[in-house]
Each structure stands twice: as C-alpha cells, then as structure tokens.
Amino acid sequence: MRHGDGRDGRACGACGAADAEFICSRCRRVKFCGPACFRKTWSAHRAFCLPRPVSDVSKAPETPVHGGIAVVVPFRDQMPLQDRCRQLSQFLEHMRSFLTGVPHVIVVVEQSQDGRKFNRGQLLNVGFRVAAEVLPTMEAFITHDVDLLPSRDMLPVYMRPPPELHAVHLASVWEKYSYKSFLGGVLSFRPKDFERINGYPNDYWGWGLEDDQLGLRMAHNGVRTLRVKVGKFEDLDPINMKAVLERRDGKEVKSHLPWYNSSMFQRGELELDQDWSTNGLRNLEFHPVNCWMDGHVHHRVVMLGRLENS
C-alpha cells in the first residue's frame, strides 16, 4: 500500500487529524493518518503529487569502505533461455580483477533445482545472512545480477558505503532498463538500512516486481535512492524482459511465461505489501544443500522456504 507525508506539520492531509504517521512515497510531502484517508483523497492529491526527488551519488561521502563490501549474486542456471553458468564464470573472472585490493567477499546464492520459479528476492535475503556471517565487518551490501560487468571507472562508487538512509543504484547507468522507478541490476545498501526495510519479500516467484516492492519499502522507511552518472555495464544477456511485455507479441510472451511472476499481468498500480514488516529478513527460512569456497568467493546452494507459496 502506498502511503502518504502532511503539508501542515504532522497533520493528516485528508482529515486534518494530528500526528499523521504515513508519508506519501511519491512526493514525500503530504502525511496521512492511515491508508483509508490516503485512498479517499488520492484522486485530488495526485494532481499536485510530484515524484520524490532523487539525489545524485556525487553528493555522497568520498570515504572508501574499511570493513569491506559484500557482493551478493542470486543465481540459477536457466537453460535454454539463459546460460547463467557461462555468465557466472565471466562475472567471477571480471570481479576478481575489478575488486583487487578492496576488502570484499562475493557471495553466490544458488537456488536448488526445486521445480519452482526463480525467487531473486529471497535469494538476496539469504545472501545478506551469509554475507553477515562470512564478513561481519561489511559496510556495504551490494545486490548484483550475474550478467552485469562494471567498467573500471565505477570502482570508487562500489568502494564507497552509501550515506545513512540511502541506497546507491549502481545500475542506473545501465541503458537496458532506463525508467525512473527501476531499482534492479546492482544496488548498494548499508547493512542496517537493508535490515530497516526488512530486505526483499520472500514470496515473489518468477521474473519481476520484487525490485518494485523493494522501492516501496525504501520509500515507506525513508531510505532514498542515489544514482550514479559515471561508468557503464557490459551486459551479458541480450534478453530485455520488459520489452517482451511491451511488444505484446502473443507467441513471444507465451514462450517466456514460465519465467514471469504471474502478478506482472495484473492491472493496477503496485502497492506496498501489508505484510512488509514481517515478510522478508525477519521470517526468512532456507535449508543449505551444498557450499564451497574459492578465495573471496562463497558459493551456497540452498532450498528456499515457504513451499506452500510455490
């Protein structure tokens, strides 16, 4: 559910009640005393509701991390659609060179062959737990898709921990998905801010929406987005899933259906999940299947939890 911020101090922008607690995640100016007031006045509020401002990472502190960074990669091979094993090999070779001299770990969290759709959000939650275990001093937690290789000039922003109550969207320079609300690809958090928003939802199975839901969690908890202007990514994957949907080619869409989150096809604006405060890091369940280590790389194969949601 998307909540609102009050123009009049802490008063509700709809009924005028004092001590309104919910802040409009879009404009971050008008407060509401609750979801009911927000829904009741949305049609009028939207006329002047402007998107919340997004800062640039150039305003972030220049201090590099000393406790180290954790790069977490959600993974499962998806042949014949995507050769993720080949991409992982290329990614690890690139990142070993890219992060030379930087205190770091790379955590690859692989979803077991459980017959269910890929669950990127829950894998990243698992990766956060593993990263905290193998690098207790980590100052930056970076969620990283396996098919994106950063250019060398991006190293300073990888090394720099985000300011408090901010996340750095490193993939904002990625040209494939350029719409403003996009938060996928590569995203850097301070660990305590990732915990503040309770991570990703655990029950988003298939491609899409977990990043959108993360954005709503960030807005609701006052965690703002910083974007980068320097650098680029080499994209190892030619498939643009959003473009597949937008082309509305029935045959093409049907061939990709097994990979999608079924909620992608529902109409209406995505709202903050009512269970956001419990569904995430706080109720995470998973079972180790296999693990190995190669230098800075920790690879964990896991059976994800909540079988009833498959």
C-alpha atoms as a PDB file:
ATOM      1  CA  MET A   1       0.000   0.000   0.000  1.00  0.00           C
ATOM      2  CA  ARG A   2       1.403   3.399  -0.859  1.00  0.00           C
ATOM      3  CA  HIS A   3       1.125   5.822   1.985  1.00  0.00           C
ATOM      4  CA  GLY A   4       1.419   9.386   2.274  1.00  0.00           C
ATOM      5  CA  ASP A   5       3.688  12.987   4.168  1.00  0.00           C
ATOM      6  CA  GLY A   6       1.280  16.170   5.629  1.00  0.00           C
ATOM      7  CA  ARG A   7       1.736  19.640   4.331  1.00  0.00           C
ATOM      8  CA  ASP A   8       0.650  21.017   7.710  1.00  0.00           C
ATOM      9  CA  GLY A   9       3.318  19.753  10.120  1.00  0.00           C
ATOM     10  CA  ARG A  10       2.211  16.333  11.266  1.00  0.00           C
ATOM     11  CA  ALA A  11      -1.484  16.815  10.440  1.00  0.00           C
ATOM     12  CA  CYS A  12      -3.263  14.429   8.075  1.00  0.00           C
ATOM     13  CA  GLY A  13      -3.585  15.950   4.595  1.00  0.00           C
ATOM     14  CA  ALA A  14      -7.074  14.457   4.274  1.00  0.00           C
ATOM     15  CA  CYS A  15      -8.935  14.812   7.583  1.00  0.00           C
ATOM     16  CA  GLY A  16      -6.639  17.183   9.486  1.00  0.00           C
ATOM     17  CA  ALA A  17      -6.083  14.772  12.369  1.00  0.00           C
ATOM     18  CA  ALA A  18      -2.910  15.372  14.355  1.00  0.00           C
ATOM     19  CA  ASP A  19       0.104  13.047  14.458  1.00  0.00           C
ATOM     20  CA  ALA A  20      -0.302  11.573  10.981  1.00  0.00           C
ATOM     21  CA  GLU A  21       2.236   8.772  10.540  1.00  0.00           C
ATOM     22  CA  PHE A  22       2.041   7.682   6.895  1.00  0.00           C
ATOM     23  CA  ILE A  23       4.073   9.537   4.257  1.00  0.00           C
ATOM     24  CA  CYS A  24       3.263   9.709   0.538  1.00  0.00           C
ATOM     25  CA  SER A  25       6.079   7.693  -1.029  1.00  0.00           C
ATOM     26  CA  ARG A  26       5.744   9.568  -4.324  1.00  0.00           C
ATOM     27  CA  CYS A  27       6.027  13.242  -3.325  1.00  0.00           C
ATOM     28  CA  ARG A  28       7.213  12.768   0.295  1.00  0.00           C
ATOM     29  CA  ARG A  29       5.428  15.986   1.271  1.00  0.00           C
ATOM     30  CA  VAL A  30       1.915  15.068   2.433  1.00  0.00           C
ATOM     31  CA  LYS A  31       1.098  12.989   5.524  1.00  0.00           C
ATOM     32  CA  PHE A  32      -1.995  10.883   6.150  1.00  0.00           C
ATOM     33  CA  CYS A  33      -3.294   9.317   9.339  1.00  0.00           C
ATOM     34  CA  GLY A  34      -3.835   5.983   7.615  1.00  0.00           C
ATOM     35  CA  PRO A  35      -4.458   4.050   4.376  1.00  0.00           C
ATOM     36  CA  ALA A  36      -8.181   4.879   4.361  1.00  0.00           C
ATOM     37  CA  CYS A  37      -7.566   8.638   4.241  1.00  0.00           C
ATOM     38  CA  PHE A  38      -4.895   8.172   1.601  1.00  0.00           C
ATOM     39  CA  ARG A  39      -7.217   6.208  -0.701  1.00  0.00           C
ATOM     40  CA  LYS A  40     -10.080   8.633  -0.101  1.00  0.00           C
ATOM     41  CA  THR A  41      -8.096  11.683  -1.230  1.00  0.00           C
ATOM     42  CA  TRP A  42      -5.741  10.161  -3.808  1.00  0.00           C
ATOM     43  CA  SER A  43      -7.702  11.418  -6.840  1.00  0.00           C
ATOM     44  CA  ALA A  44      -7.315  15.012  -5.601  1.00  0.00           C
ATOM     45  CA  HIS A  45      -3.810  14.593  -4.207  1.00  0.00           C
ATOM     46  CA  ARG A  46      -2.383  13.127  -7.411  1.00  0.00           C
ATOM     47  CA  ALA A  47      -2.977  16.447  -9.227  1.00  0.00           C
ATOM     48  CA  PHE A  48      -0.098  18.067  -7.318  1.00  0.00           C
ATOM     49  CA  CYS A  49       1.775  14.949  -6.189  1.00  0.00           C
ATOM     50  CA  LEU A  50       5.201  15.142  -7.800  1.00  0.00           C
ATOM     51  CA  PRO A  51       7.709  12.286  -7.603  1.00  0.00           C
ATOM     52  CA  ARG A  52      10.067  12.409  -4.651  1.00  0.00           C
ATOM     53  CA  PRO A  53      13.439  13.906  -5.601  1.00  0.00           C
ATOM     54  CA  VAL A  54      16.290  11.531  -6.350  1.00  0.00           C
ATOM     55  CA  SER A  55      19.776  12.597  -5.394  1.00  0.00           C
ATOM     56  CA  ASP A  56      22.997  12.008  -7.260  1.00  0.00           C
ATOM     57  CA  VAL A  57      25.723   9.802  -5.826  1.00  0.00           C
ATOM     58  CA  SER A  58      28.265  12.569  -6.386  1.00  0.00           C
ATOM     59  CA  LYS A  59      26.942  14.122  -3.158  1.00  0.00           C
ATOM     60  CA  ALA A  60      27.847  11.014  -1.150  1.00  0.00           C
ATOM     61  CA  PRO A  61      30.898  10.952   1.144  1.00  0.00           C
ATOM     62  CA  GLU A  62      34.199  10.062  -0.523  1.00  0.00           C
ATOM     63  CA  THR A  63      35.282   7.740   2.306  1.00  0.00           C
ATOM     64  CA  PRO A  64      36.019   4.211   0.986  1.00  0.00           C
ATOM     65  CA  VAL A  65      34.938   1.163   2.951  1.00  0.00           C
ATOM     66  CA  HIS A  66      37.343  -0.226   5.540  1.00  0.00           C
ATOM     67  CA  GLY A  67      35.248  -3.110   6.856  1.00  0.00           C
ATOM     68  CA  GLY A  68      34.740  -4.471   3.354  1.00  0.00           C
ATOM     69  CA  ILE A  69      31.938  -4.881   0.832  1.00  0.00           C
ATOM     70  CA  ALA A  70      29.791  -7.924   0.152  1.00  0.00           C
ATOM     71  CA  VAL A  71      28.663  -8.508  -3.432  1.00  0.00           C
ATOM     72  CA  VAL A  72      25.721 -10.920  -3.451  1.00  0.00           C
ATOM     73  CA  VAL A  73      24.669 -12.677  -6.653  1.00  0.00           C
ATOM     74  CA  PRO A  74      21.344 -14.552  -6.937  1.00  0.00           C
ATOM     75  CA  PHE A  75      21.852 -17.497  -9.274  1.00  0.00           C
ATOM     76  CA  ARG A  76      20.338 -20.482 -11.021  1.00  0.00           C
ATOM     77  CA  ASP A  77      21.131 -21.806 -14.481  1.00  0.00           C
ATOM     78  CA  GLN A  78      18.148 -21.282 -16.775  1.00  0.00           C
ATOM     79  CA  MET A  79      18.936 -23.165 -19.947  1.00  0.00           C
ATOM     80  CA  PRO A  80      17.847 -22.983 -22.698  1.00  0.00           C
ATOM     81  CA  LEU A  81      16.665 -19.389 -22.148  1.00  0.00           C
ATOM     82  CA  GLN A  82      19.820 -18.118 -20.426  1.00  0.00           C
ATOM     83  CA  ASP A  83      23.244 -19.723 -19.997  1.00  0.00           C
ATOM     84  CA  ARG A  84      23.777 -18.486 -16.463  1.00  0.00           C
ATOM     85  CA  CYS A  85      26.712 -20.843 -15.773  1.00  0.00           C
ATOM     86  CA  ARG A  86      28.736 -19.257 -18.555  1.00  0.00           C
ATOM     87  CA  GLN A  87      27.729 -15.806 -17.320  1.00  0.00           C
ATOM     88  CA  LEU A  88      28.770 -16.669 -13.755  1.00  0.00           C
ATOM     89  CA  SER A  89      32.193 -17.777 -14.937  1.00  0.00           C
ATOM     90  CA  GLN A  90      32.668 -14.495 -16.810  1.00  0.00           C
ATOM     91  CA  PHE A  91      31.332 -12.488 -13.872  1.00  0.00           C
ATOM     92  CA  LEU A  92      33.672 -14.035 -11.304  1.00  0.00           C
ATOM     93  CA  GLU A  93      36.713 -13.601 -13.540  1.00  0.00           C
ATOM     94  CA  HIS A  94      35.813  -9.944 -14.099  1.00  0.00           C
ATOM     95  CA  MET A  95      35.010  -9.140 -10.461  1.00  0.00           C
ATOM     96  CA  ARG A  96      38.166 -10.783  -9.099  1.00  0.00           C
ATOM     97  CA  SER A  97      40.162  -8.345 -11.201  1.00  0.00           C
ATOM     98  CA  PHE A  98      37.805  -5.402 -10.614  1.00  0.00           C
ATOM     99  CA  LEU A  99      37.928  -5.698  -6.805  1.00  0.00           C
ATOM    100  CA  THR A 100      41.664  -6.359  -6.486  1.00  0.00           C
ATOM    101  CA  GLY A 101      42.942  -4.621  -3.362  1.00  0.00           C
ATOM    102  CA  VAL A 102      39.440  -3.973  -1.988  1.00  0.00           C
ATOM    103  CA  PRO A 103      38.350  -5.849   1.177  1.00  0.00           C
ATOM    104  CA  HIS A 104      35.413  -7.895  -0.085  1.00  0.00           C
ATOM    105  CA  VAL A 105      33.551 -11.147  -0.408  1.00  0.00           C
ATOM    106  CA  ILE A 106      31.439 -12.360  -3.317  1.00  0.00           C
ATOM    107  CA  VAL A 107      28.510 -14.498  -2.211  1.00  0.00           C
ATOM    108  CA  VAL A 108      26.795 -16.564  -4.909  1.00  0.00           C
ATOM    109  CA  VAL A 109      23.441 -17.863  -3.673  1.00  0.00           C
ATOM    110  CA  GLU A 110      22.125 -20.592  -5.950  1.00  0.00           C
ATOM    111  CA  GLN A 111      18.513 -21.753  -5.883  1.00  0.00           C
ATOM    112  CA  SER A 112      18.282 -25.544  -5.881  1.00  0.00           C
ATOM    113  CA  GLN A 113      16.507 -27.347  -8.707  1.00  0.00           C
ATOM    114  CA  ASP A 114      13.247 -27.347  -6.758  1.00  0.00           C
ATOM    115  CA  GLY A 115      10.837 -27.172  -9.698  1.00  0.00           C
ATOM    116  CA  ARG A 116       9.743 -23.660  -8.751  1.00  0.00           C
ATOM    117  CA  LYS A 117      10.242 -20.316 -10.436  1.00  0.00           C
ATOM    118  CA  PHE A 118      13.354 -18.290  -9.674  1.00  0.00           C
ATOM    119  CA  ASN A 119      13.000 -16.226  -6.489  1.00  0.00           C
ATOM    120  CA  ARG A 120      15.527 -13.418  -6.743  1.00  0.00           C
ATOM    121  CA  GLY A 121      14.317 -11.541  -3.675  1.00  0.00           C
ATOM    122  CA  GLN A 122      14.504 -14.461  -1.265  1.00  0.00           C
ATOM    123  CA  LEU A 123      17.927 -15.445  -2.609  1.00  0.00           C
ATOM    124  CA  LEU A 124      19.207 -11.935  -1.898  1.00  0.00           C
ATOM    125  CA  ASN A 125      17.826 -12.144   1.632  1.00  0.00           C
ATOM    126  CA  VAL A 126      19.718 -15.420   2.075  1.00  0.00           C
ATOM    127  CA  GLY A 127      22.797 -13.753   0.615  1.00  0.00           C
ATOM    128  CA  PHE A 128      22.569 -10.968   3.178  1.00  0.00           C
ATOM    129  CA  ARG A 129      22.551 -13.505   6.012  1.00  0.00           C
ATOM    130  CA  VAL A 130      25.510 -15.385   4.514  1.00  0.00           C
ATOM    131  CA  ALA A 131      27.446 -12.151   3.912  1.00  0.00           C
ATOM    132  CA  ALA A 132      26.941 -11.060   7.527  1.00  0.00           C
ATOM    133  CA  GLU A 133      28.276 -14.457   8.596  1.00  0.00           C
ATOM    134  CA  VAL A 134      31.406 -14.526   6.423  1.00  0.00           C
ATOM    135  CA  LEU A 135      32.152 -10.774   6.605  1.00  0.00           C
ATOM    136  CA  PRO A 136      30.801  -9.447   9.930  1.00  0.00           C
ATOM    137  CA  THR A 137      32.542  -6.093   9.339  1.00  0.00           C
ATOM    138  CA  MET A 138      30.860  -5.377   5.980  1.00  0.00           C
ATOM    139  CA  GLU A 139      29.986  -1.726   5.435  1.00  0.00           C
ATOM    140  CA  ALA A 140      28.257  -2.079   2.072  1.00  0.00           C
ATOM    141  CA  PHE A 141      25.901  -4.813   0.894  1.00  0.00           C
ATOM    142  CA  ILE A 142      25.597  -4.908  -2.913  1.00  0.00           C
ATOM    143  CA  THR A 143      22.912  -6.905  -4.713  1.00  0.00           C
ATOM    144  CA  HIS A 144      24.330  -7.793  -8.126  1.00  0.00           C
ATOM    145  CA  ASP A 145      22.881  -9.516 -11.194  1.00  0.00           C
ATOM    146  CA  VAL A 146      25.263 -12.047 -12.708  1.00  0.00           C
ATOM    147  CA  ASP A 147      25.010 -10.659 -16.248  1.00  0.00           C
ATOM    148  CA  LEU A 148      26.344  -7.156 -15.497  1.00  0.00           C
ATOM    149  CA  LEU A 149      30.070  -6.358 -15.592  1.00  0.00           C
ATOM    150  CA  PRO A 150      31.010  -2.869 -14.302  1.00  0.00           C
ATOM    151  CA  SER A 151      33.567  -0.680 -16.037  1.00  0.00           C
ATOM    152  CA  ARG A 152      36.780   0.117 -14.173  1.00  0.00           C
ATOM    153  CA  ASP A 153      35.799   3.748 -13.539  1.00  0.00           C
ATOM    154  CA  MET A 154      32.916   2.549 -11.341  1.00  0.00           C
ATOM    155  CA  LEU A 155      35.238   1.149  -8.670  1.00  0.00           C
ATOM    156  CA  PRO A 156      35.090   4.283  -6.457  1.00  0.00           C
ATOM    157  CA  VAL A 157      31.292   4.061  -6.121  1.00  0.00           C
ATOM    158  CA  TYR A 158      31.491   0.325  -5.399  1.00  0.00           C
ATOM    159  CA  MET A 159      34.031   1.024  -2.642  1.00  0.00           C
ATOM    160  CA  ARG A 160      32.060   3.867  -1.061  1.00  0.00           C
ATOM    161  CA  PRO A 161      29.383   2.948   1.515  1.00  0.00           C
ATOM    162  CA  PRO A 162      26.077   4.766   0.930  1.00  0.00           C
ATOM    163  CA  PRO A 163      25.178   7.574   3.342  1.00  0.00           C
ATOM    164  CA  GLU A 164      22.792   6.555   6.087  1.00  0.00           C
ATOM    165  CA  LEU A 165      19.181   6.173   4.927  1.00  0.00           C
ATOM    166  CA  HIS A 166      20.273   5.957   1.284  1.00  0.00           C
ATOM    167  CA  ALA A 167      20.870   3.206  -1.248  1.00  0.00           C
ATOM    168  CA  VAL A 168      23.049   3.682  -4.322  1.00  0.00           C
ATOM    169  CA  HIS A 169      21.542   2.365  -7.547  1.00  0.00           C
ATOM    170  CA  LEU A 170      24.763   1.499  -9.349  1.00  0.00           C
ATOM    171  CA  ALA A 171      22.845   0.119 -12.334  1.00  0.00           C
ATOM    172  CA  SER A 172      21.233   3.500 -13.007  1.00  0.00           C
ATOM    173  CA  VAL A 173      23.835   3.869 -15.789  1.00  0.00           C
ATOM    174  CA  TRP A 174      22.635   0.603 -17.382  1.00  0.00           C
ATOM    175  CA  GLU A 175      20.826   1.510 -20.594  1.00  0.00           C
ATOM    176  CA  LYS A 176      18.559  -1.535 -20.950  1.00  0.00           C
ATOM    177  CA  TYR A 177      16.073  -0.536 -18.239  1.00  0.00           C
ATOM    178  CA  SER A 178      16.086   3.249 -18.025  1.00  0.00           C
ATOM    179  CA  TYR A 179      12.674   4.041 -16.491  1.00  0.00           C
ATOM    180  CA  LYS A 180      12.928   6.159 -13.325  1.00  0.00           C
ATOM    181  CA  SER A 181      11.445   3.699 -10.840  1.00  0.00           C
ATOM    182  CA  PHE A 182      13.802   0.865 -11.861  1.00  0.00           C
ATOM    183  CA  LEU A 183      15.914  -0.389  -8.946  1.00  0.00           C
ATOM    184  CA  GLY A 184      17.192  -3.680 -10.340  1.00  0.00           C
ATOM    185  CA  GLY A 185      20.563  -4.839 -11.582  1.00  0.00           C
ATOM    186  CA  VAL A 186      23.008  -3.560  -8.966  1.00  0.00           C
ATOM    187  CA  LEU A 187      22.038  -1.801  -5.728  1.00  0.00           C
ATOM    188  CA  SER A 188      24.200  -0.915  -2.710  1.00  0.00           C
ATOM    189  CA  PHE A 189      22.951  -0.596   0.894  1.00  0.00           C
ATOM    190  CA  ARG A 190      24.359  -0.014   4.310  1.00  0.00           C
ATOM    191  CA  PRO A 191      23.528  -3.275   6.127  1.00  0.00           C
ATOM    192  CA  LYS A 192      21.421  -1.560   8.788  1.00  0.00           C
ATOM    193  CA  ASP A 193      19.285   0.150   6.121  1.00  0.00           C
ATOM    194  CA  PHE A 194      18.665  -3.166   4.355  1.00  0.00           C
ATOM    195  CA  GLU A 195      17.559  -4.528   7.712  1.00  0.00           C
ATOM    196  CA  ARG A 196      15.427  -1.424   8.317  1.00  0.00           C
ATOM    197  CA  ILE A 197      13.295  -2.190   5.234  1.00  0.00           C
ATOM    198  CA  ASN A 198      13.252  -5.932   6.072  1.00  0.00           C
ATOM    199  CA  GLY A 199      15.004  -6.826   2.824  1.00  0.00           C
ATOM    200  CA  TYR A 200      13.027  -8.196  -0.109  1.00  0.00           C
ATOM    201  CA  PRO A 201       9.697 -10.030   0.075  1.00  0.00           C
ATOM    202  CA  ASN A 202      10.199 -13.806   0.194  1.00  0.00           C
ATOM    203  CA  ASP A 203       7.143 -14.762  -1.859  1.00  0.00           C
ATOM    204  CA  TYR A 204       7.790 -13.171  -5.272  1.00  0.00           C
ATOM    205  CA  TRP A 205       8.331 -16.169  -7.553  1.00  0.00           C
ATOM    206  CA  GLY A 206       9.364 -15.545 -11.165  1.00  0.00           C
ATOM    207  CA  TRP A 207      10.768 -12.537 -13.014  1.00  0.00           C
ATOM    208  CA  GLY A 208       9.608  -9.088 -11.994  1.00  0.00           C
ATOM    209  CA  LEU A 209       8.155  -6.891  -9.241  1.00  0.00           C
ATOM    210  CA  GLU A 210      10.500  -7.755  -6.358  1.00  0.00           C
ATOM    211  CA  ASP A 211      12.538  -4.611  -7.077  1.00  0.00           C
ATOM    212  CA  ASP A 212       9.379  -2.502  -7.345  1.00  0.00           C
ATOM    213  CA  GLN A 213       8.244  -3.812  -3.970  1.00  0.00           C
ATOM    214  CA  LEU A 214      11.697  -3.070  -2.555  1.00  0.00           C
ATOM    215  CA  GLY A 215      11.330   0.521  -3.774  1.00  0.00           C
ATOM    216  CA  LEU A 216       8.038   0.852  -1.894  1.00  0.00           C
ATOM    217  CA  ARG A 217       9.687  -0.499   1.259  1.00  0.00           C
ATOM    218  CA  MET A 218      12.500   2.014   0.885  1.00  0.00           C
ATOM    219  CA  ALA A 219      10.093   4.936   0.432  1.00  0.00           C
ATOM    220  CA  HIS A 220       7.946   3.859   3.365  1.00  0.00           C
ATOM    221  CA  ASN A 221      11.003   3.731   5.634  1.00  0.00           C
ATOM    222  CA  GLY A 222      12.673   6.917   4.435  1.00  0.00           C
ATOM    223  CA  VAL A 223      15.517   5.223   2.538  1.00  0.00           C
ATOM    224  CA  ARG A 224      16.209   7.356  -0.527  1.00  0.00           C
ATOM    225  CA  THR A 225      17.886   6.495  -3.818  1.00  0.00           C
ATOM    226  CA  LEU A 226      21.201   7.842  -5.054  1.00  0.00           C
ATOM    227  CA  ARG A 227      22.032   7.386  -8.727  1.00  0.00           C
ATOM    228  CA  VAL A 228      25.386   7.352 -10.499  1.00  0.00           C
ATOM    229  CA  LYS A 229      26.421   9.216 -13.627  1.00  0.00           C
ATOM    230  CA  VAL A 230      29.861   7.739 -14.272  1.00  0.00           C
ATOM    231  CA  GLY A 231      30.597   4.347 -15.788  1.00  0.00           C
ATOM    232  CA  LYS A 232      28.761   1.686 -17.727  1.00  0.00           C
ATOM    233  CA  PHE A 233      27.994  -2.021 -17.654  1.00  0.00           C
ATOM    234  CA  GLU A 234      28.768  -4.741 -20.138  1.00  0.00           C
ATOM    235  CA  ASP A 235      25.502  -6.663 -20.459  1.00  0.00           C
ATOM    236  CA  LEU A 236      25.959 -10.408 -20.964  1.00  0.00           C
ATOM    237  CA  ASP A 237      22.240 -11.054 -21.516  1.00  0.00           C
ATOM    238  CA  PRO A 238      20.534  -9.904 -24.750  1.00  0.00           C
ATOM    239  CA  ILE A 239      17.002 -10.505 -23.422  1.00  0.00           C
ATOM    240  CA  ASN A 240      15.010  -7.435 -22.359  1.00  0.00           C
ATOM    241  CA  MET A 241      12.111  -8.889 -20.372  1.00  0.00           C
ATOM    242  CA  LYS A 242      10.276  -5.571 -20.058  1.00  0.00           C
ATOM    243  CA  ALA A 243      10.447  -5.051 -23.827  1.00  0.00           C
ATOM    244  CA  VAL A 244       8.994  -8.533 -24.355  1.00  0.00           C
ATOM    245  CA  LEU A 245       5.898  -7.470 -22.423  1.00  0.00           C
ATOM    246  CA  GLU A 246       5.644  -4.100 -24.155  1.00  0.00           C
ATOM    247  CA  ARG A 247       5.805  -5.610 -27.662  1.00  0.00           C
ATOM    248  CA  ARG A 248       2.634  -7.594 -26.856  1.00  0.00           C
ATOM    249  CA  ASP A 249       3.631 -10.367 -29.245  1.00  0.00           C
ATOM    250  CA  GLY A 250       1.466 -13.258 -28.041  1.00  0.00           C
ATOM    251  CA  LYS A 251       3.804 -16.007 -29.210  1.00  0.00           C
ATOM    252  CA  GLU A 252       6.872 -14.312 -27.747  1.00  0.00           C
ATOM    253  CA  VAL A 253       5.192 -13.584 -24.404  1.00  0.00           C
ATOM    254  CA  LYS A 254       3.891 -17.156 -24.169  1.00  0.00           C
ATOM    255  CA  SER A 255       7.405 -18.550 -24.648  1.00  0.00           C
ATOM    256  CA  HIS A 256       8.562 -16.519 -21.630  1.00  0.00           C
ATOM    257  CA  LEU A 257       5.585 -17.182 -19.358  1.00  0.00           C
ATOM    258  CA  PRO A 258       7.361 -19.896 -17.315  1.00  0.00           C
ATOM    259  CA  TRP A 259       9.877 -17.282 -16.146  1.00  0.00           C
ATOM    260  CA  TYR A 260       7.492 -14.465 -15.167  1.00  0.00           C
ATOM    261  CA  ASN A 261       5.950 -13.529 -11.848  1.00  0.00           C
ATOM    262  CA  SER A 262       2.249 -14.135 -12.564  1.00  0.00           C
ATOM    263  CA  SER A 263       1.356 -10.828 -10.873  1.00  0.00           C
ATOM    264  CA  MET A 264       3.098  -8.993 -13.745  1.00  0.00           C
ATOM    265  CA  PHE A 265      -0.106  -9.432 -15.736  1.00  0.00           C
ATOM    266  CA  GLN A 266      -2.442  -7.945 -13.136  1.00  0.00           C
ATOM    267  CA  ARG A 267      -3.722  -4.438 -13.732  1.00  0.00           C
ATOM    268  CA  GLY A 268      -3.351  -1.543 -11.356  1.00  0.00           C
ATOM    269  CA  GLU A 269      -0.506   0.175  -9.543  1.00  0.00           C
ATOM    270  CA  LEU A 270       1.635  -1.943  -7.258  1.00  0.00           C
ATOM    271  CA  GLU A 271       1.082  -1.119  -3.589  1.00  0.00           C
ATOM    272  CA  LEU A 272       3.230  -1.743  -0.545  1.00  0.00           C
ATOM    273  CA  ASP A 273       2.534  -5.251   0.740  1.00  0.00           C
ATOM    274  CA  GLN A 274       0.672  -5.104   4.038  1.00  0.00           C
ATOM    275  CA  ASP A 275       2.993  -7.752   5.489  1.00  0.00           C
ATOM    276  CA  TRP A 276       6.197  -5.931   4.512  1.00  0.00           C
ATOM    277  CA  SER A 277       7.423  -5.703   8.126  1.00  0.00           C
ATOM    278  CA  THR A 278       7.270  -9.481   8.635  1.00  0.00           C
ATOM    279  CA  ASN A 279       7.759 -10.879   5.117  1.00  0.00           C
ATOM    280  CA  GLY A 280      11.477 -10.638   4.416  1.00  0.00           C
ATOM    281  CA  LEU A 281      14.611 -10.966   6.528  1.00  0.00           C
ATOM    282  CA  ARG A 282      12.554 -11.395   9.691  1.00  0.00           C
ATOM    283  CA  ASN A 283      10.767 -14.579   8.604  1.00  0.00           C
ATOM    284  CA  LEU A 284      13.419 -15.970   6.258  1.00  0.00           C
ATOM    285  CA  GLU A 285      13.593 -19.770   6.060  1.00  0.00           C
ATOM    286  CA  PHE A 286      16.017 -21.750   3.910  1.00  0.00           C
ATOM    287  CA  HIS A 287      17.934 -25.007   4.020  1.00  0.00           C
ATOM    288  CA  PRO A 288      21.603 -25.438   2.973  1.00  0.00           C
ATOM    289  CA  VAL A 289      22.137 -28.001   0.211  1.00  0.00           C
ATOM    290  CA  ASN A 290      25.793 -27.509  -0.706  1.00  0.00           C
ATOM    291  CA  CYS A 291      28.584 -24.968  -0.305  1.00  0.00           C
ATOM    292  CA  TRP A 292      32.142 -24.324  -1.386  1.00  0.00           C
ATOM    293  CA  MET A 293      34.678 -21.525  -1.235  1.00  0.00           C
ATOM    294  CA  ASP A 294      37.281 -20.260  -3.699  1.00  0.00           C
ATOM    295  CA  GLY A 295      39.294 -17.342  -2.360  1.00  0.00           C
ATOM    296  CA  HIS A 296      36.906 -14.437  -1.821  1.00  0.00           C
ATOM    297  CA  VAL A 297      34.013 -16.342  -3.421  1.00  0.00           C
ATOM    298  CA  HIS A 298      31.492 -18.179  -1.238  1.00  0.00           C
ATOM    299  CA  HIS A 299      29.017 -20.303  -3.212  1.00  0.00           C
ATOM    300  CA  ARG A 300      25.915 -21.575  -1.387  1.00  0.00           C
ATOM    301  CA  VAL A 301      23.234 -23.814  -2.882  1.00  0.00           C
ATOM    302  CA  VAL A 302      20.013 -23.517  -0.888  1.00  0.00           C
ATOM    303  CA  MET A 303      16.499 -24.895  -0.759  1.00  0.00           C
ATOM    304  CA  LEU A 304      14.236 -21.895  -0.351  1.00  0.00           C
ATOM    305  CA  GLY A 305      11.492 -21.850   2.246  1.00  0.00           C
ATOM    306  CA  ARG A 306       7.712 -21.403   2.184  1.00  0.00           C
ATOM    307  CA  LEU A 307       6.923 -24.370  -0.019  1.00  0.00           C
ATOM    308  CA  GLU A 308       3.221 -23.596   0.188  1.00  0.00           C
ATOM    309  CA  ASN A 309       3.776 -20.497  -1.978  1.00  0.00           C
ATOM    310  CA  SER A 310       5.320 -22.351  -4.905  1.00  0.00           C
END
